[in-house]
Every structure is written in C-alpha cells, then in structure tokens.
Amino acid sequence: MTEKVKLLGNIDLGAHDYEIHIKKLIHEDESKTLYGRHSVDQNVIFLNEDIVLSRKYETLIHEIIHAICYNTGQDHDENMIEALSNGLHQLGVGEYLWKKIQKKS
C-alpha cells in the first residue's frame, strides 16, 4: 500500500530549503499522538494529517524551531520548544507561516 503524502509547500531555514508535508503519522507508543516530525538530513518537516488545523499551525512552528536549533547547534529540550511554539502560535505566527509556505509553492 502506497503512503499518502501531501506537499504543503517549502520554507527556507538557515539557507536550506525545507519541504513541508502532511501525512498520517503514528507514534511508537500507540497511546500517544505524533503531531509532527522533522528530518534535518532530508530537509523535510512532516505534519500529522489527523490533527485539527490549529494544531497543525502550532506543530509547524514547533518543528521549525527544532530545525533552527539543530541547524545552529543549539541545545534545546521539548519543554522549551513547547513553550516557544505555544506562545508564537498565540501571536498568529503559525497561521502566518502556513499562508507563506503555500504562497511560495
């Protein structure tokens, strides 16, 4: 069975062109939901197709912050990433990035 993946668009992060994809994501622990994942090696960010749009916005910010931290060699942890992504989402950054990514494609 072929995996369904939708390309949302692209974004430049640290002089690297990242593709943003929406697909079904499954957490290794079946009792949890996997919202997003990123691959620095492949310059790809995946967002779970099964979460509501506002969660996609926040998760996009979350994964972008991860990519920025990895690309710049910064130490970071999930609590810091969650706090930043939640705060930026409340300011409308996720919706802004979503629209920007779609316009670029």
C-alpha atoms as a PDB file:
ATOM      1  CA  MET A   1       0.000   0.000   0.000  1.00  0.00           C
ATOM      2  CA  THR A   2       1.370   3.403  -1.010  1.00  0.00           C
ATOM      3  CA  GLU A   3       1.705   6.015   1.713  1.00  0.00           C
ATOM      4  CA  LYS A   4      -0.345   9.173   1.047  1.00  0.00           C
ATOM      5  CA  VAL A   5       1.770  12.323   1.425  1.00  0.00           C
ATOM      6  CA  LYS A   6       0.651  15.843   0.528  1.00  0.00           C
ATOM      7  CA  LEU A   7       3.217  18.568  -0.132  1.00  0.00           C
ATOM      8  CA  LEU A   8       2.061  21.733   1.638  1.00  0.00           C
ATOM      9  CA  GLY A   9       4.971  23.850   0.414  1.00  0.00           C
ATOM     10  CA  ASN A  10       8.529  24.915   1.127  1.00  0.00           C
ATOM     11  CA  ILE A  11      10.276  27.242   3.548  1.00  0.00           C
ATOM     12  CA  ASP A  12      13.880  28.435   3.783  1.00  0.00           C
ATOM     13  CA  LEU A  13      15.512  27.713   7.153  1.00  0.00           C
ATOM     14  CA  GLY A  14      19.139  28.638   7.668  1.00  0.00           C
ATOM     15  CA  ALA A  15      19.854  28.715   3.912  1.00  0.00           C
ATOM     16  CA  HIS A  16      18.241  25.282   3.494  1.00  0.00           C
ATOM     17  CA  ASP A  17      15.042  24.683   1.545  1.00  0.00           C
ATOM     18  CA  TYR A  18      12.700  22.533   3.653  1.00  0.00           C
ATOM     19  CA  GLU A  19       9.680  20.747   2.232  1.00  0.00           C
ATOM     20  CA  ILE A  20       6.592  20.681   4.440  1.00  0.00           C
ATOM     21  CA  HIS A  21       4.487  17.518   4.032  1.00  0.00           C
ATOM     22  CA  ILE A  22       1.184  16.416   5.530  1.00  0.00           C
ATOM     23  CA  LYS A  23       0.731  12.692   6.084  1.00  0.00           C
ATOM     24  CA  LYS A  24      -0.541  10.161   8.593  1.00  0.00           C
ATOM     25  CA  LEU A  25       1.919   9.908  11.489  1.00  0.00           C
ATOM     26  CA  ILE A  26       1.790   7.176  14.107  1.00  0.00           C
ATOM     27  CA  HIS A  27       3.575   7.431  17.456  1.00  0.00           C
ATOM     28  CA  GLU A  28       5.655   4.451  18.548  1.00  0.00           C
ATOM     29  CA  ASP A  29       3.586   4.435  21.757  1.00  0.00           C
ATOM     30  CA  GLU A  30       0.055   3.787  20.487  1.00  0.00           C
ATOM     31  CA  SER A  31      -1.440   5.629  23.479  1.00  0.00           C
ATOM     32  CA  LYS A  32       0.091   8.927  22.217  1.00  0.00           C
ATOM     33  CA  THR A  33      -0.444  11.104  19.160  1.00  0.00           C
ATOM     34  CA  LEU A  34       2.507  12.126  16.999  1.00  0.00           C
ATOM     35  CA  TYR A  35       1.822  15.676  15.819  1.00  0.00           C
ATOM     36  CA  GLY A  36       4.915  16.238  13.704  1.00  0.00           C
ATOM     37  CA  ARG A  37       8.418  15.146  12.856  1.00  0.00           C
ATOM     38  CA  HIS A  38      11.361  16.686  11.052  1.00  0.00           C
ATOM     39  CA  SER A  39      14.411  15.375   9.267  1.00  0.00           C
ATOM     40  CA  VAL A  40      17.416  17.676   9.235  1.00  0.00           C
ATOM     41  CA  ASP A  41      19.270  15.265   6.911  1.00  0.00           C
ATOM     42  CA  GLN A  42      16.475  15.359   4.311  1.00  0.00           C
ATOM     43  CA  ASN A  43      15.254  18.948   4.954  1.00  0.00           C
ATOM     44  CA  VAL A  44      11.691  17.748   5.482  1.00  0.00           C
ATOM     45  CA  ILE A  45       9.022  18.537   8.061  1.00  0.00           C
ATOM     46  CA  PHE A  46       6.017  16.221   8.400  1.00  0.00           C
ATOM     47  CA  LEU A  47       2.714  17.243   9.991  1.00  0.00           C
ATOM     48  CA  ASN A  48       0.073  14.725  11.035  1.00  0.00           C
ATOM     49  CA  GLU A  49      -2.937  14.869   8.700  1.00  0.00           C
ATOM     50  CA  ASP A  50      -5.255  13.724  11.511  1.00  0.00           C
ATOM     51  CA  ILE A  51      -4.865  16.765  13.792  1.00  0.00           C
ATOM     52  CA  VAL A  52      -7.014  19.913  13.592  1.00  0.00           C
ATOM     53  CA  LEU A  53      -5.715  22.908  11.665  1.00  0.00           C
ATOM     54  CA  SER A  54      -4.818  24.975  14.739  1.00  0.00           C
ATOM     55  CA  ARG A  55      -2.634  22.058  15.966  1.00  0.00           C
ATOM     56  CA  LYS A  56      -1.016  21.896  12.535  1.00  0.00           C
ATOM     57  CA  TYR A  57      -0.130  25.601  12.843  1.00  0.00           C
ATOM     58  CA  GLU A  58       1.407  25.112  16.282  1.00  0.00           C
ATOM     59  CA  THR A  59       3.193  21.913  15.243  1.00  0.00           C
ATOM     60  CA  LEU A  60       4.642  23.659  12.195  1.00  0.00           C
ATOM     61  CA  ILE A  61       6.180  26.268  14.498  1.00  0.00           C
ATOM     62  CA  HIS A  62       7.398  23.504  16.843  1.00  0.00           C
ATOM     63  CA  GLU A  63       9.169  21.593  14.073  1.00  0.00           C
ATOM     64  CA  ILE A  64      10.634  24.773  12.566  1.00  0.00           C
ATOM     65  CA  ILE A  65      12.121  25.674  15.956  1.00  0.00           C
ATOM     66  CA  HIS A  66      13.621  22.167  16.175  1.00  0.00           C
ATOM     67  CA  ALA A  67      15.153  22.573  12.710  1.00  0.00           C
ATOM     68  CA  ILE A  68      16.573  26.020  13.565  1.00  0.00           C
ATOM     69  CA  CYS A  69      18.103  24.685  16.790  1.00  0.00           C
ATOM     70  CA  TYR A  70      19.644  21.668  15.047  1.00  0.00           C
ATOM     71  CA  ASN A  71      20.937  23.770  12.143  1.00  0.00           C
ATOM     72  CA  THR A  72      22.636  26.198  14.522  1.00  0.00           C
ATOM     73  CA  GLY A  73      23.920  23.625  17.019  1.00  0.00           C
ATOM     74  CA  GLN A  74      21.817  24.971  19.894  1.00  0.00           C
ATOM     75  CA  ASP A  75      20.989  22.891  22.938  1.00  0.00           C
ATOM     76  CA  HIS A  76      17.243  22.626  23.416  1.00  0.00           C
ATOM     77  CA  ASP A  77      14.621  20.477  25.056  1.00  0.00           C
ATOM     78  CA  GLU A  78      10.971  19.672  24.397  1.00  0.00           C
ATOM     79  CA  ASN A  79       9.675  21.906  27.209  1.00  0.00           C
ATOM     80  CA  MET A  80      11.447  24.953  25.755  1.00  0.00           C
ATOM     81  CA  ILE A  81      10.244  24.108  22.234  1.00  0.00           C
ATOM     82  CA  GLU A  82       6.662  23.637  23.504  1.00  0.00           C
ATOM     83  CA  ALA A  83       6.690  26.971  25.358  1.00  0.00           C
ATOM     84  CA  LEU A  84       8.026  28.855  22.328  1.00  0.00           C
ATOM     85  CA  SER A  85       5.735  27.197  19.807  1.00  0.00           C
ATOM     86  CA  ASN A  86       2.661  27.741  22.001  1.00  0.00           C
ATOM     87  CA  GLY A  87       3.499  31.406  22.596  1.00  0.00           C
ATOM     88  CA  LEU A  88       4.251  32.087  18.934  1.00  0.00           C
ATOM     89  CA  HIS A  89       1.061  30.274  17.913  1.00  0.00           C
ATOM     90  CA  GLN A  90      -0.956  32.556  20.200  1.00  0.00           C
ATOM     91  CA  LEU A  91       0.560  35.529  18.346  1.00  0.00           C
ATOM     92  CA  GLY A  92      -0.621  34.171  14.986  1.00  0.00           C
ATOM     93  CA  VAL A  93       2.791  33.063  13.731  1.00  0.00           C
ATOM     94  CA  GLY A  94       1.616  29.569  12.779  1.00  0.00           C
ATOM     95  CA  GLU A  95      -1.174  30.824  10.541  1.00  0.00           C
ATOM     96  CA  TYR A  96       1.208  33.383   9.007  1.00  0.00           C
ATOM     97  CA  LEU A  97       3.815  30.686   8.218  1.00  0.00           C
ATOM     98  CA  TRP A  98       1.128  28.355   6.830  1.00  0.00           C
ATOM     99  CA  LYS A  99      -0.005  31.012   4.356  1.00  0.00           C
ATOM    100  CA  LYS A 100       3.584  31.990   3.490  1.00  0.00           C
ATOM    101  CA  ILE A 101       4.523  28.376   2.734  1.00  0.00           C
ATOM    102  CA  GLN A 102       1.502  27.881   0.489  1.00  0.00           C
ATOM    103  CA  LYS A 103       2.160  31.120  -1.448  1.00  0.00           C
ATOM    104  CA  LYS A 104       5.769  30.095  -2.099  1.00  0.00           C
ATOM    105  CA  SER A 105       4.731  26.812  -3.734  1.00  0.00           C
END
